Amino acid sequence: MSVVAVVPAAGSGVRLGAGMPKAFVELSGVPMLVRAVDGLLAPGVVDHVVVVVPGDQVAAAGPMFGDRPVTVVPGGADRTASVAAGLAVLGPGTEVVLVHDAARPLTPPDVVRRVVAAVRAGAPAVIPVLPVPDTVKTVDGAGVVVSTVDRSALRAVQTPQGFRAGDLRRAYAGTPDPRTDDAGLVEAIGDPVRTVDGDPLAFKVTTAWDLRIAELLLTGAGERIG
């Protein structure tokens, strides 16, 4: 069963404030994008990775991956368009598709294995999740609390998200609404989405603070804080 991962990495990374696409920012000397790809390949369950980058970065991105089984293609105007661009180059033998954020460079191999195993076991769509630890409140436009949300059934969603290739292609057929979560598109066509355990290390690097935390974890300093 052929497994291909699509990694959308065409975002500008404005909130990170690095002055370059976020995926190309180095984390302990290695671009986050390369770390994310290596994390997908490490478990030995992904056959190929399609990396989607800004059009003007395709030539620069290719050499970053050496002899890894990676194809680099130009992305679209938003995340949904970029994933669609990645899906467009998949071969007919692709049976399982993972979609993974380049900004989750520390995702452990076990998360990848769990997602792939669940799709192979028959789930049309699979997402790694974590319980929401904080109290969550609904707030109105004036900043006044309206209600406290019961968080017992809430989950924070991570990537990689896994799909049967045909189902994800069907979800992307036509012109789907832009979304930050591919599972949302699959939900919209009526397919069930199963959850598996995520991991705190699969957090998304969005701000300079997140990048600093990731650096500390990689250098081992994270063991001395907390």
N, C-alpha and C. Protein backbone atom coordinates (compact mmCIF):
# COMPACT_ATOMS: atom_id res chain seq x y z
N MET A 1 0.85 -1.20 0.00
CA MET A 1 0.00 0.00 0.00
C MET A 1 0.89 1.24 0.00
N SER A 2 0.87 1.99 -1.09
CA SER A 2 1.73 3.16 -1.23
C SER A 2 1.24 4.31 -0.36
N VAL A 3 2.16 4.87 0.41
CA VAL A 3 1.85 5.99 1.32
C VAL A 3 2.67 7.20 0.89
N VAL A 4 1.99 8.29 0.58
CA VAL A 4 2.65 9.53 0.17
C VAL A 4 2.22 10.65 1.10
N ALA A 5 3.17 11.45 1.54
CA ALA A 5 2.87 12.60 2.40
C ALA A 5 2.98 13.89 1.60
N VAL A 6 2.03 14.77 1.80
CA VAL A 6 2.06 16.11 1.21
C VAL A 6 2.35 17.11 2.33
N VAL A 7 3.37 17.93 2.12
CA VAL A 7 3.78 18.90 3.13
C VAL A 7 3.61 20.31 2.56
N PRO A 8 2.51 20.99 2.89
CA PRO A 8 2.35 22.37 2.43
C PRO A 8 3.30 23.29 3.19
N ALA A 9 4.15 24.00 2.45
CA ALA A 9 5.16 24.85 3.08
C ALA A 9 5.29 26.16 2.32
N ALA A 10 4.15 26.68 1.88
CA ALA A 10 4.17 27.91 1.08
C ALA A 10 3.78 29.14 1.88
N GLY A 11 3.62 28.99 3.20
CA GLY A 11 3.22 30.12 4.03
C GLY A 11 4.33 31.15 4.20
N SER A 12 3.94 32.40 4.45
CA SER A 12 4.92 33.48 4.58
C SER A 12 5.59 33.52 5.95
N GLY A 13 4.90 33.02 6.98
CA GLY A 13 5.48 33.02 8.32
C GLY A 13 5.58 34.39 8.95
N VAL A 14 4.59 35.24 8.69
CA VAL A 14 4.62 36.61 9.21
C VAL A 14 4.71 36.64 10.73
N ARG A 15 3.94 35.77 11.40
CA ARG A 15 3.92 35.80 12.87
C ARG A 15 5.25 35.37 13.48
N LEU A 16 6.04 34.61 12.71
CA LEU A 16 7.35 34.22 13.22
C LEU A 16 8.34 35.37 13.13
N GLY A 17 8.12 36.28 12.19
CA GLY A 17 8.95 37.47 12.08
C GLY A 17 10.37 37.20 11.63
N ALA A 18 10.56 36.16 10.79
CA ALA A 18 11.91 35.79 10.37
C ALA A 18 12.32 36.41 9.04
N GLY A 19 11.39 37.06 8.35
CA GLY A 19 11.72 37.69 7.09
C GLY A 19 11.88 36.71 5.94
N MET A 20 11.39 35.50 6.11
CA MET A 20 11.46 34.48 5.06
C MET A 20 10.33 33.49 5.30
N PRO A 21 10.01 32.65 4.30
CA PRO A 21 8.98 31.63 4.53
C PRO A 21 9.32 30.80 5.77
N LYS A 22 8.33 30.60 6.63
CA LYS A 22 8.56 29.94 7.92
C LYS A 22 9.25 28.59 7.78
N ALA A 23 8.87 27.82 6.79
CA ALA A 23 9.40 26.47 6.65
C ALA A 23 10.90 26.45 6.39
N PHE A 24 11.45 27.58 5.92
CA PHE A 24 12.88 27.64 5.59
C PHE A 24 13.72 28.15 6.76
N VAL A 25 13.05 28.55 7.82
CA VAL A 25 13.79 29.01 9.01
C VAL A 25 14.52 27.83 9.64
N GLU A 26 15.77 28.05 10.03
CA GLU A 26 16.57 26.96 10.59
C GLU A 26 16.26 26.74 12.06
N LEU A 27 16.26 25.48 12.42
CA LEU A 27 16.07 25.05 13.80
C LEU A 27 17.29 24.23 14.17
N SER A 28 18.15 24.79 15.00
CA SER A 28 19.44 24.17 15.33
C SER A 28 20.21 23.81 14.06
N GLY A 29 20.24 24.75 13.12
CA GLY A 29 21.05 24.59 11.91
C GLY A 29 20.41 23.84 10.77
N VAL A 30 19.20 23.35 10.95
CA VAL A 30 18.51 22.59 9.90
C VAL A 30 17.16 23.23 9.63
N PRO A 31 16.82 23.53 8.36
CA PRO A 31 15.51 24.12 8.07
C PRO A 31 14.37 23.28 8.64
N MET A 32 13.36 23.96 9.18
CA MET A 32 12.21 23.23 9.74
C MET A 32 11.60 22.29 8.71
N LEU A 33 11.56 22.70 7.46
CA LEU A 33 10.99 21.87 6.42
C LEU A 33 11.72 20.55 6.29
N VAL A 34 13.04 20.58 6.34
CA VAL A 34 13.83 19.36 6.25
C VAL A 34 13.58 18.47 7.47
N ARG A 35 13.51 19.07 8.64
CA ARG A 35 13.22 18.29 9.85
C ARG A 35 11.85 17.63 9.76
N ALA A 36 10.87 18.35 9.23
CA ALA A 36 9.53 17.79 9.10
C ALA A 36 9.52 16.61 8.13
N VAL A 37 10.22 16.75 7.02
CA VAL A 37 10.30 15.66 6.04
C VAL A 37 11.03 14.45 6.63
N ASP A 38 12.12 14.70 7.31
CA ASP A 38 12.86 13.59 7.92
C ASP A 38 12.01 12.88 8.98
N GLY A 39 11.19 13.65 9.70
CA GLY A 39 10.31 13.04 10.69
C GLY A 39 9.27 12.13 10.06
N LEU A 40 8.82 12.47 8.86
CA LEU A 40 7.87 11.63 8.15
C LEU A 40 8.52 10.34 7.64
N LEU A 41 9.75 10.46 7.18
CA LEU A 41 10.44 9.31 6.60
C LEU A 41 11.04 8.38 7.65
N ALA A 42 11.33 8.90 8.83
CA ALA A 42 12.02 8.13 9.86
C ALA A 42 11.33 6.83 10.25
N PRO A 43 9.99 6.80 10.36
CA PRO A 43 9.35 5.55 10.81
C PRO A 43 9.37 4.43 9.77
N GLY A 44 9.69 4.76 8.51
CA GLY A 44 9.73 3.73 7.48
C GLY A 44 8.37 3.34 6.93
N VAL A 45 7.34 4.17 7.17
CA VAL A 45 5.99 3.84 6.67
C VAL A 45 5.54 4.77 5.55
N VAL A 46 6.34 5.78 5.21
CA VAL A 46 6.02 6.72 4.14
C VAL A 46 6.96 6.47 2.97
N ASP A 47 6.40 6.27 1.78
CA ASP A 47 7.21 5.94 0.61
C ASP A 47 7.77 7.16 -0.10
N HIS A 48 7.02 8.25 -0.09
CA HIS A 48 7.43 9.44 -0.84
C HIS A 48 6.82 10.67 -0.18
N VAL A 49 7.49 11.81 -0.34
CA VAL A 49 6.99 13.07 0.21
C VAL A 49 6.92 14.11 -0.90
N VAL A 50 5.78 14.78 -1.00
CA VAL A 50 5.62 15.90 -1.93
C VAL A 50 5.63 17.19 -1.11
N VAL A 51 6.62 18.03 -1.35
CA VAL A 51 6.77 19.29 -0.62
C VAL A 51 6.25 20.41 -1.50
N VAL A 52 5.39 21.25 -0.94
CA VAL A 52 4.78 22.34 -1.70
C VAL A 52 5.29 23.66 -1.14
N VAL A 53 6.02 24.42 -1.96
CA VAL A 53 6.68 25.65 -1.51
C VAL A 53 6.25 26.83 -2.40
N PRO A 54 6.56 28.07 -1.98
CA PRO A 54 6.27 29.21 -2.86
C PRO A 54 6.94 29.02 -4.21
N GLY A 55 6.29 29.52 -5.26
CA GLY A 55 6.80 29.32 -6.61
C GLY A 55 8.24 29.77 -6.81
N ASP A 56 8.62 30.85 -6.15
CA ASP A 56 9.98 31.37 -6.33
C ASP A 56 11.02 30.63 -5.47
N GLN A 57 10.58 29.61 -4.71
CA GLN A 57 11.50 28.86 -3.86
C GLN A 57 11.71 27.42 -4.33
N VAL A 58 11.07 27.04 -5.43
CA VAL A 58 11.17 25.64 -5.88
C VAL A 58 12.61 25.26 -6.19
N ALA A 59 13.32 26.11 -6.93
CA ALA A 59 14.71 25.79 -7.30
C ALA A 59 15.60 25.70 -6.08
N ALA A 60 15.37 26.55 -5.09
CA ALA A 60 16.20 26.55 -3.89
C ALA A 60 15.88 25.36 -3.00
N ALA A 61 14.62 24.94 -2.98
CA ALA A 61 14.21 23.87 -2.06
C ALA A 61 14.69 22.50 -2.51
N GLY A 62 14.73 22.25 -3.80
CA GLY A 62 15.09 20.93 -4.29
C GLY A 62 16.37 20.36 -3.70
N PRO A 63 17.49 21.10 -3.76
CA PRO A 63 18.76 20.56 -3.26
C PRO A 63 18.78 20.32 -1.74
N MET A 64 17.84 20.87 -1.00
CA MET A 64 17.83 20.71 0.45
C MET A 64 17.61 19.25 0.86
N PHE A 65 17.03 18.45 -0.03
CA PHE A 65 16.62 17.11 0.35
C PHE A 65 17.55 16.00 -0.14
N GLY A 66 18.62 16.37 -0.84
CA GLY A 66 19.60 15.36 -1.26
C GLY A 66 18.95 14.21 -2.01
N ASP A 67 19.24 12.98 -1.56
CA ASP A 67 18.69 11.81 -2.24
C ASP A 67 17.42 11.27 -1.57
N ARG A 68 16.80 12.06 -0.72
CA ARG A 68 15.55 11.63 -0.10
C ARG A 68 14.47 11.50 -1.17
N PRO A 69 13.47 10.63 -0.96
CA PRO A 69 12.39 10.46 -1.94
C PRO A 69 11.40 11.62 -1.84
N VAL A 70 11.79 12.78 -2.37
CA VAL A 70 11.01 14.01 -2.23
C VAL A 70 10.81 14.65 -3.60
N THR A 71 9.61 15.12 -3.86
CA THR A 71 9.29 15.92 -5.03
C THR A 71 8.86 17.30 -4.55
N VAL A 72 9.40 18.35 -5.17
CA VAL A 72 9.06 19.73 -4.78
C VAL A 72 8.22 20.36 -5.88
N VAL A 73 7.07 20.94 -5.49
CA VAL A 73 6.18 21.58 -6.46
C VAL A 73 5.77 22.95 -5.94
N PRO A 74 5.38 23.87 -6.84
CA PRO A 74 4.94 25.21 -6.39
C PRO A 74 3.55 25.15 -5.77
N GLY A 75 3.34 26.01 -4.76
CA GLY A 75 2.07 26.03 -4.05
C GLY A 75 1.10 27.05 -4.59
N GLY A 76 -0.03 27.20 -3.88
CA GLY A 76 -1.08 28.11 -4.29
C GLY A 76 -1.20 29.30 -3.36
N ALA A 77 -2.34 29.99 -3.47
CA ALA A 77 -2.54 31.23 -2.73
C ALA A 77 -2.80 30.99 -1.25
N ASP A 78 -3.27 29.80 -0.88
CA ASP A 78 -3.52 29.50 0.52
C ASP A 78 -3.21 28.03 0.76
N ARG A 79 -3.40 27.60 2.01
CA ARG A 79 -3.03 26.23 2.36
C ARG A 79 -3.83 25.20 1.57
N THR A 80 -5.12 25.43 1.43
CA THR A 80 -5.96 24.49 0.69
C THR A 80 -5.50 24.35 -0.75
N ALA A 81 -5.18 25.48 -1.39
CA ALA A 81 -4.69 25.43 -2.77
C ALA A 81 -3.35 24.73 -2.86
N SER A 82 -2.51 24.88 -1.84
CA SER A 82 -1.20 24.23 -1.85
C SER A 82 -1.34 22.71 -1.71
N VAL A 83 -2.23 22.27 -0.82
CA VAL A 83 -2.45 20.83 -0.69
C VAL A 83 -3.00 20.27 -1.99
N ALA A 84 -3.91 21.00 -2.62
CA ALA A 84 -4.46 20.56 -3.91
C ALA A 84 -3.36 20.42 -4.94
N ALA A 85 -2.39 21.34 -4.92
CA ALA A 85 -1.26 21.25 -5.86
C ALA A 85 -0.44 20.00 -5.60
N GLY A 86 -0.29 19.64 -4.33
CA GLY A 86 0.43 18.41 -4.00
C GLY A 86 -0.32 17.18 -4.43
N LEU A 87 -1.63 17.17 -4.22
CA LEU A 87 -2.44 16.02 -4.61
C LEU A 87 -2.41 15.81 -6.13
N ALA A 88 -2.27 16.90 -6.87
CA ALA A 88 -2.31 16.82 -8.34
C ALA A 88 -1.16 16.01 -8.92
N VAL A 89 -0.06 15.86 -8.17
CA VAL A 89 1.09 15.14 -8.73
C VAL A 89 1.19 13.71 -8.21
N LEU A 90 0.23 13.28 -7.40
CA LEU A 90 0.29 11.92 -6.88
C LEU A 90 0.00 10.90 -7.98
N GLY A 91 0.72 9.79 -7.94
CA GLY A 91 0.52 8.75 -8.92
C GLY A 91 -0.73 7.93 -8.63
N PRO A 92 -1.21 7.17 -9.61
CA PRO A 92 -2.43 6.37 -9.42
C PRO A 92 -2.28 5.26 -8.39
N GLY A 93 -1.04 4.89 -8.06
CA GLY A 93 -0.82 3.83 -7.09
C GLY A 93 -0.84 4.29 -5.65
N THR A 94 -1.03 5.60 -5.43
CA THR A 94 -1.08 6.12 -4.06
C THR A 94 -2.39 5.71 -3.40
N GLU A 95 -2.29 5.03 -2.28
CA GLU A 95 -3.48 4.56 -1.57
C GLU A 95 -3.74 5.32 -0.27
N VAL A 96 -2.67 5.77 0.39
CA VAL A 96 -2.80 6.53 1.63
C VAL A 96 -2.07 7.86 1.45
N VAL A 97 -2.73 8.95 1.84
CA VAL A 97 -2.12 10.27 1.77
C VAL A 97 -2.06 10.87 3.18
N LEU A 98 -0.89 11.34 3.56
CA LEU A 98 -0.74 12.11 4.79
C LEU A 98 -0.59 13.58 4.41
N VAL A 99 -1.17 14.46 5.20
CA VAL A 99 -0.93 15.90 5.03
C VAL A 99 -0.33 16.39 6.34
N HIS A 100 0.86 16.99 6.23
CA HIS A 100 1.62 17.33 7.43
C HIS A 100 2.12 18.76 7.36
N ASP A 101 2.00 19.48 8.47
CA ASP A 101 2.49 20.86 8.54
C ASP A 101 4.01 20.87 8.62
N ALA A 102 4.64 21.66 7.75
CA ALA A 102 6.08 21.83 7.83
C ALA A 102 6.49 22.46 9.15
N ALA A 103 5.56 23.17 9.78
CA ALA A 103 5.86 23.87 11.04
C ALA A 103 5.72 22.97 12.27
N ARG A 104 5.64 21.66 12.06
CA ARG A 104 5.65 20.71 13.19
C ARG A 104 6.90 19.82 13.06
N PRO A 105 8.08 20.42 13.20
CA PRO A 105 9.34 19.71 12.90
C PRO A 105 9.75 18.66 13.91
N LEU A 106 9.12 18.64 15.10
CA LEU A 106 9.53 17.70 16.13
C LEU A 106 8.54 16.54 16.30
N THR A 107 7.63 16.37 15.37
CA THR A 107 6.63 15.31 15.48
C THR A 107 7.31 13.95 15.61
N PRO A 108 7.02 13.19 16.67
CA PRO A 108 7.68 11.90 16.88
C PRO A 108 7.25 10.84 15.86
N PRO A 109 8.12 9.90 15.54
CA PRO A 109 7.77 8.83 14.59
C PRO A 109 6.54 8.05 14.97
N ASP A 110 6.30 7.84 16.27
CA ASP A 110 5.15 7.05 16.68
C ASP A 110 3.82 7.67 16.25
N VAL A 111 3.76 8.99 16.18
CA VAL A 111 2.54 9.64 15.74
C VAL A 111 2.27 9.30 14.27
N VAL A 112 3.32 9.34 13.47
CA VAL A 112 3.19 9.00 12.05
C VAL A 112 2.74 7.55 11.90
N ARG A 113 3.36 6.67 12.67
CA ARG A 113 2.99 5.25 12.60
C ARG A 113 1.53 5.03 12.97
N ARG A 114 1.06 5.70 14.03
CA ARG A 114 -0.32 5.51 14.47
C ARG A 114 -1.32 5.95 13.40
N VAL A 115 -1.04 7.06 12.77
CA VAL A 115 -1.95 7.57 11.75
C VAL A 115 -2.00 6.62 10.55
N VAL A 116 -0.84 6.22 10.06
CA VAL A 116 -0.80 5.32 8.90
C VAL A 116 -1.47 3.99 9.22
N ALA A 117 -1.20 3.45 10.40
CA ALA A 117 -1.79 2.16 10.78
C ALA A 117 -3.31 2.24 10.82
N ALA A 118 -3.85 3.35 11.32
CA ALA A 118 -5.29 3.48 11.42
C ALA A 118 -5.95 3.58 10.04
N VAL A 119 -5.30 4.28 9.09
CA VAL A 119 -5.85 4.33 7.74
C VAL A 119 -5.76 2.96 7.08
N ARG A 120 -4.64 2.29 7.27
CA ARG A 120 -4.49 0.95 6.70
C ARG A 120 -5.51 -0.03 7.28
N ALA A 121 -5.94 0.23 8.51
CA ALA A 121 -6.93 -0.64 9.14
C ALA A 121 -8.35 -0.35 8.65
N GLY A 122 -8.52 0.67 7.82
CA GLY A 122 -9.83 0.92 7.22
C GLY A 122 -10.46 2.26 7.47
N ALA A 123 -9.86 3.10 8.31
CA ALA A 123 -10.45 4.42 8.57
C ALA A 123 -10.26 5.32 7.35
N PRO A 124 -11.33 6.01 6.90
CA PRO A 124 -11.18 6.90 5.74
C PRO A 124 -10.33 8.13 6.04
N ALA A 125 -10.36 8.57 7.30
CA ALA A 125 -9.59 9.76 7.69
C ALA A 125 -9.19 9.62 9.15
N VAL A 126 -7.95 10.06 9.46
CA VAL A 126 -7.41 9.90 10.81
C VAL A 126 -6.66 11.16 11.19
N ILE A 127 -6.90 11.65 12.42
CA ILE A 127 -6.18 12.83 12.90
C ILE A 127 -5.60 12.55 14.28
N PRO A 128 -4.36 12.99 14.53
CA PRO A 128 -3.80 12.90 15.90
C PRO A 128 -4.31 14.06 16.74
N VAL A 129 -4.68 13.77 17.97
CA VAL A 129 -5.28 14.81 18.82
C VAL A 129 -4.72 14.74 20.24
N LEU A 130 -4.89 15.85 20.96
CA LEU A 130 -4.56 15.94 22.38
C LEU A 130 -5.74 16.55 23.12
N PRO A 131 -5.96 16.15 24.37
CA PRO A 131 -6.99 16.82 25.17
C PRO A 131 -6.63 18.29 25.35
N VAL A 132 -7.65 19.12 25.52
CA VAL A 132 -7.43 20.55 25.75
C VAL A 132 -7.27 20.77 27.25
N PRO A 133 -6.08 21.19 27.72
CA PRO A 133 -5.84 21.28 29.17
C PRO A 133 -6.36 22.54 29.83
N ASP A 134 -6.54 23.60 29.04
CA ASP A 134 -6.92 24.90 29.62
C ASP A 134 -8.43 25.08 29.66
N THR A 135 -8.88 25.90 30.58
CA THR A 135 -10.28 26.30 30.58
C THR A 135 -10.55 27.15 29.33
N VAL A 136 -11.68 26.90 28.68
CA VAL A 136 -12.03 27.61 27.45
C VAL A 136 -13.32 28.37 27.67
N LYS A 137 -13.34 29.64 27.29
CA LYS A 137 -14.52 30.47 27.46
C LYS A 137 -14.94 31.11 26.14
N THR A 138 -16.23 31.29 25.98
CA THR A 138 -16.77 32.04 24.85
C THR A 138 -16.84 33.51 25.26
N VAL A 139 -16.33 34.40 24.38
CA VAL A 139 -16.26 35.83 24.70
C VAL A 139 -16.96 36.62 23.60
N ASP A 140 -17.70 37.66 23.96
CA ASP A 140 -18.39 38.48 22.96
C ASP A 140 -17.45 39.53 22.38
N GLY A 141 -17.98 40.36 21.47
CA GLY A 141 -17.16 41.35 20.78
C GLY A 141 -16.57 42.40 21.69
N ALA A 142 -17.15 42.56 22.86
CA ALA A 142 -16.65 43.56 23.81
C ALA A 142 -15.65 42.97 24.80
N GLY A 143 -15.33 41.68 24.62
CA GLY A 143 -14.38 41.05 25.51
C GLY A 143 -14.98 40.55 26.81
N VAL A 144 -16.29 40.43 26.86
CA VAL A 144 -16.97 39.95 28.06
C VAL A 144 -17.28 38.46 27.91
N VAL A 145 -17.02 37.69 28.97
CA VAL A 145 -17.26 36.25 28.92
C VAL A 145 -18.75 35.97 28.82
N VAL A 146 -19.10 35.12 27.86
CA VAL A 146 -20.49 34.72 27.65
C VAL A 146 -20.77 33.40 28.35
N SER A 147 -19.82 32.45 28.23
CA SER A 147 -20.02 31.15 28.85
C SER A 147 -18.68 30.43 28.95
N THR A 148 -18.67 29.38 29.78
CA THR A 148 -17.51 28.51 29.89
C THR A 148 -17.81 27.22 29.14
N VAL A 149 -16.91 26.83 28.27
CA VAL A 149 -17.12 25.67 27.41
C VAL A 149 -16.71 24.39 28.15
N ASP A 150 -17.52 23.35 28.02
CA ASP A 150 -17.16 22.05 28.56
C ASP A 150 -16.04 21.47 27.69
N ARG A 151 -14.84 21.39 28.25
CA ARG A 151 -13.70 20.98 27.45
C ARG A 151 -13.51 19.46 27.41
N SER A 152 -14.35 18.71 28.11
CA SER A 152 -14.15 17.26 28.19
C SER A 152 -14.20 16.57 26.83
N ALA A 153 -14.98 17.12 25.91
CA ALA A 153 -15.09 16.52 24.58
C ALA A 153 -14.25 17.26 23.54
N LEU A 154 -13.50 18.27 23.96
CA LEU A 154 -12.68 19.05 23.02
C LEU A 154 -11.31 18.39 22.83
N ARG A 155 -10.79 18.52 21.63
CA ARG A 155 -9.46 18.01 21.32
C ARG A 155 -8.72 19.01 20.44
N ALA A 156 -7.43 19.18 20.71
CA ALA A 156 -6.56 19.97 19.84
C ALA A 156 -6.02 19.05 18.75
N VAL A 157 -6.11 19.49 17.52
CA VAL A 157 -5.76 18.65 16.37
C VAL A 157 -4.35 18.94 15.90
N GLN A 158 -3.61 17.88 15.60
CA GLN A 158 -2.24 17.99 15.09
C GLN A 158 -2.14 17.38 13.69
N THR A 159 -0.95 17.28 13.19
CA THR A 159 -0.68 16.56 11.95
C THR A 159 0.52 15.64 12.20
N PRO A 160 0.73 14.63 11.33
CA PRO A 160 0.07 14.41 10.04
C PRO A 160 -1.34 13.89 10.18
N GLN A 161 -2.19 14.34 9.27
CA GLN A 161 -3.52 13.78 9.14
C GLN A 161 -3.48 12.79 7.98
N GLY A 162 -4.14 11.65 8.15
CA GLY A 162 -4.07 10.60 7.15
C GLY A 162 -5.41 10.33 6.50
N PHE A 163 -5.38 9.96 5.21
CA PHE A 163 -6.61 9.76 4.46
C PHE A 163 -6.45 8.65 3.42
N ARG A 164 -7.54 7.97 3.13
CA ARG A 164 -7.55 7.15 1.94
C ARG A 164 -7.47 8.11 0.76
N ALA A 165 -6.60 7.83 -0.19
CA ALA A 165 -6.32 8.79 -1.27
C ALA A 165 -7.59 9.19 -2.01
N GLY A 166 -8.43 8.22 -2.32
CA GLY A 166 -9.64 8.53 -3.07
C GLY A 166 -10.57 9.47 -2.33
N ASP A 167 -10.67 9.29 -1.00
CA ASP A 167 -11.54 10.15 -0.20
C ASP A 167 -11.02 11.58 -0.16
N LEU A 168 -9.71 11.74 0.00
CA LEU A 168 -9.16 13.10 0.06
C LEU A 168 -9.29 13.79 -1.29
N ARG A 169 -9.05 13.04 -2.38
CA ARG A 169 -9.24 13.63 -3.71
C ARG A 169 -10.69 14.06 -3.91
N ARG A 170 -11.61 13.24 -3.45
CA ARG A 170 -13.03 13.58 -3.58
C ARG A 170 -13.36 14.83 -2.77
N ALA A 171 -12.77 14.96 -1.59
CA ALA A 171 -13.01 16.14 -0.75
C ALA A 171 -12.47 17.41 -1.40
N TYR A 172 -11.39 17.26 -2.16
CA TYR A 172 -10.77 18.41 -2.82
C TYR A 172 -11.31 18.66 -4.22
N ALA A 173 -12.20 17.81 -4.70
CA ALA A 173 -12.75 17.98 -6.05
C ALA A 173 -13.52 19.30 -6.12
N GLY A 174 -13.46 19.92 -7.28
CA GLY A 174 -14.13 21.20 -7.43
C GLY A 174 -13.30 22.30 -6.81
N THR A 175 -13.95 23.21 -6.12
CA THR A 175 -13.27 24.34 -5.49
C THR A 175 -13.63 24.36 -4.01
N PRO A 176 -12.87 23.65 -3.18
CA PRO A 176 -13.21 23.60 -1.75
C PRO A 176 -12.96 24.93 -1.05
N ASP A 177 -13.74 25.17 0.00
CA ASP A 177 -13.51 26.38 0.80
C ASP A 177 -12.15 26.28 1.48
N PRO A 178 -11.40 27.39 1.53
CA PRO A 178 -10.11 27.36 2.23
C PRO A 178 -10.28 26.99 3.69
N ARG A 179 -9.48 26.05 4.17
CA ARG A 179 -9.55 25.61 5.56
C ARG A 179 -8.13 25.38 6.08
N THR A 180 -8.00 25.40 7.40
CA THR A 180 -6.70 25.11 8.00
C THR A 180 -6.57 23.64 8.33
N ASP A 181 -7.64 22.87 8.14
CA ASP A 181 -7.68 21.48 8.57
C ASP A 181 -8.26 20.63 7.46
N ASP A 182 -7.46 19.73 6.90
CA ASP A 182 -7.92 18.90 5.78
C ASP A 182 -9.03 17.95 6.21
N ALA A 183 -9.01 17.52 7.45
CA ALA A 183 -10.06 16.65 7.93
C ALA A 183 -11.42 17.34 7.86
N GLY A 184 -11.44 18.66 7.96
CA GLY A 184 -12.69 19.40 7.85
C GLY A 184 -13.33 19.22 6.49
N LEU A 185 -12.51 19.14 5.44
CA LEU A 185 -13.04 18.92 4.10
C LEU A 185 -13.63 17.52 3.97
N VAL A 186 -12.97 16.55 4.60
CA VAL A 186 -13.48 15.18 4.56
C VAL A 186 -14.77 15.07 5.36
N GLU A 187 -14.83 15.75 6.50
CA GLU A 187 -16.07 15.80 7.28
C GLU A 187 -17.22 16.35 6.42
N ALA A 188 -16.92 17.36 5.60
CA ALA A 188 -17.95 18.03 4.81
C ALA A 188 -18.58 17.11 3.76
N ILE A 189 -17.85 16.08 3.34
CA ILE A 189 -18.44 15.15 2.37
C ILE A 189 -19.05 13.93 3.06
N GLY A 190 -19.08 13.96 4.38
CA GLY A 190 -19.78 12.94 5.12
C GLY A 190 -18.97 11.75 5.59
N ASP A 191 -17.66 11.77 5.41
CA ASP A 191 -16.83 10.66 5.86
C ASP A 191 -16.51 10.80 7.35
N PRO A 192 -16.48 9.69 8.08
CA PRO A 192 -16.10 9.77 9.50
C PRO A 192 -14.61 10.01 9.66
N VAL A 193 -14.25 10.74 10.68
CA VAL A 193 -12.85 11.03 10.97
C VAL A 193 -12.50 10.42 12.31
N ARG A 194 -11.54 9.51 12.31
CA ARG A 194 -11.14 8.84 13.53
C ARG A 194 -9.96 9.58 14.17
N THR A 195 -9.84 9.51 15.48
CA THR A 195 -8.72 10.13 16.18
C THR A 195 -7.76 9.08 16.73
N VAL A 196 -6.49 9.44 16.78
CA VAL A 196 -5.47 8.66 17.47
C VAL A 196 -4.72 9.62 18.39
N ASP A 197 -3.93 9.06 19.29
CA ASP A 197 -3.19 9.91 20.22
C ASP A 197 -2.14 10.74 19.50
N GLY A 198 -2.13 12.03 19.80
CA GLY A 198 -1.07 12.90 19.32
C GLY A 198 0.08 12.90 20.31
N ASP A 199 0.90 13.95 20.27
CA ASP A 199 2.05 14.05 21.16
C ASP A 199 2.37 15.52 21.37
N PRO A 200 2.68 15.94 22.62
CA PRO A 200 3.03 17.34 22.85
C PRO A 200 4.19 17.83 21.98
N LEU A 201 5.10 16.95 21.58
CA LEU A 201 6.22 17.36 20.75
C LEU A 201 5.81 17.73 19.32
N ALA A 202 4.59 17.36 18.95
CA ALA A 202 4.11 17.69 17.61
C ALA A 202 3.50 19.08 17.56
N PHE A 203 3.89 19.96 18.47
CA PHE A 203 3.33 21.31 18.49
C PHE A 203 3.77 22.10 17.25
N LYS A 204 2.98 23.10 16.93
CA LYS A 204 3.23 23.90 15.73
C LYS A 204 4.08 25.12 16.07
N VAL A 205 5.14 25.32 15.32
CA VAL A 205 6.01 26.48 15.50
C VAL A 205 5.41 27.64 14.71
N THR A 206 4.83 28.59 15.43
CA THR A 206 4.15 29.72 14.80
C THR A 206 4.81 31.05 15.14
N THR A 207 5.28 31.19 16.37
CA THR A 207 5.86 32.44 16.83
C THR A 207 7.34 32.24 17.20
N ALA A 208 8.01 33.36 17.46
CA ALA A 208 9.41 33.28 17.89
C ALA A 208 9.54 32.51 19.20
N TRP A 209 8.54 32.61 20.07
CA TRP A 209 8.54 31.86 21.33
C TRP A 209 8.53 30.35 21.04
N ASP A 210 7.67 29.92 20.12
CA ASP A 210 7.60 28.50 19.76
C ASP A 210 8.95 28.02 19.23
N LEU A 211 9.59 28.85 18.41
CA LEU A 211 10.88 28.49 17.83
C LEU A 211 11.92 28.32 18.93
N ARG A 212 11.88 29.20 19.92
CA ARG A 212 12.84 29.11 21.04
C ARG A 212 12.62 27.83 21.84
N ILE A 213 11.36 27.47 22.08
CA ILE A 213 11.05 26.24 22.81
C ILE A 213 11.56 25.03 22.04
N ALA A 214 11.35 25.04 20.72
CA ALA A 214 11.83 23.93 19.90
C ALA A 214 13.35 23.82 19.96
N GLU A 215 14.03 24.96 19.94
CA GLU A 215 15.50 24.95 20.05
C GLU A 215 15.93 24.34 21.38
N LEU A 216 15.28 24.74 22.46
CA LEU A 216 15.62 24.22 23.78
C LEU A 216 15.41 22.71 23.86
N LEU A 217 14.33 22.24 23.27
CA LEU A 217 14.05 20.81 23.29
C LEU A 217 15.10 20.04 22.51
N LEU A 218 15.54 20.59 21.39
CA LEU A 218 16.55 19.90 20.57
C LEU A 218 17.91 19.87 21.24
N THR A 219 18.24 20.91 21.97
CA THR A 219 19.55 20.97 22.61
C THR A 219 19.59 20.26 23.95
N GLY A 220 18.41 19.84 24.43
CA GLY A 220 18.36 19.16 25.71
C GLY A 220 18.13 20.09 26.87
N ALA A 221 18.13 21.42 26.60
CA ALA A 221 17.90 22.38 27.67
C ALA A 221 16.49 22.28 28.20
N GLY A 222 15.59 21.75 27.34
CA GLY A 222 14.21 21.61 27.76
C GLY A 222 14.08 20.71 28.98
N GLU A 223 15.06 19.80 29.18
CA GLU A 223 15.01 18.90 30.33
C GLU A 223 15.27 19.65 31.63
N ARG A 224 15.85 20.85 31.53
CA ARG A 224 16.20 21.59 32.73
C ARG A 224 15.21 22.69 33.08
N ILE A 225 14.16 22.80 32.24
CA ILE A 225 13.15 23.81 32.54
C ILE A 225 11.84 23.09 32.86
N GLY A 226 11.21 23.40 33.89
CA GLY A 226 9.94 22.73 34.18
C GLY A 226 10.14 21.50 35.02
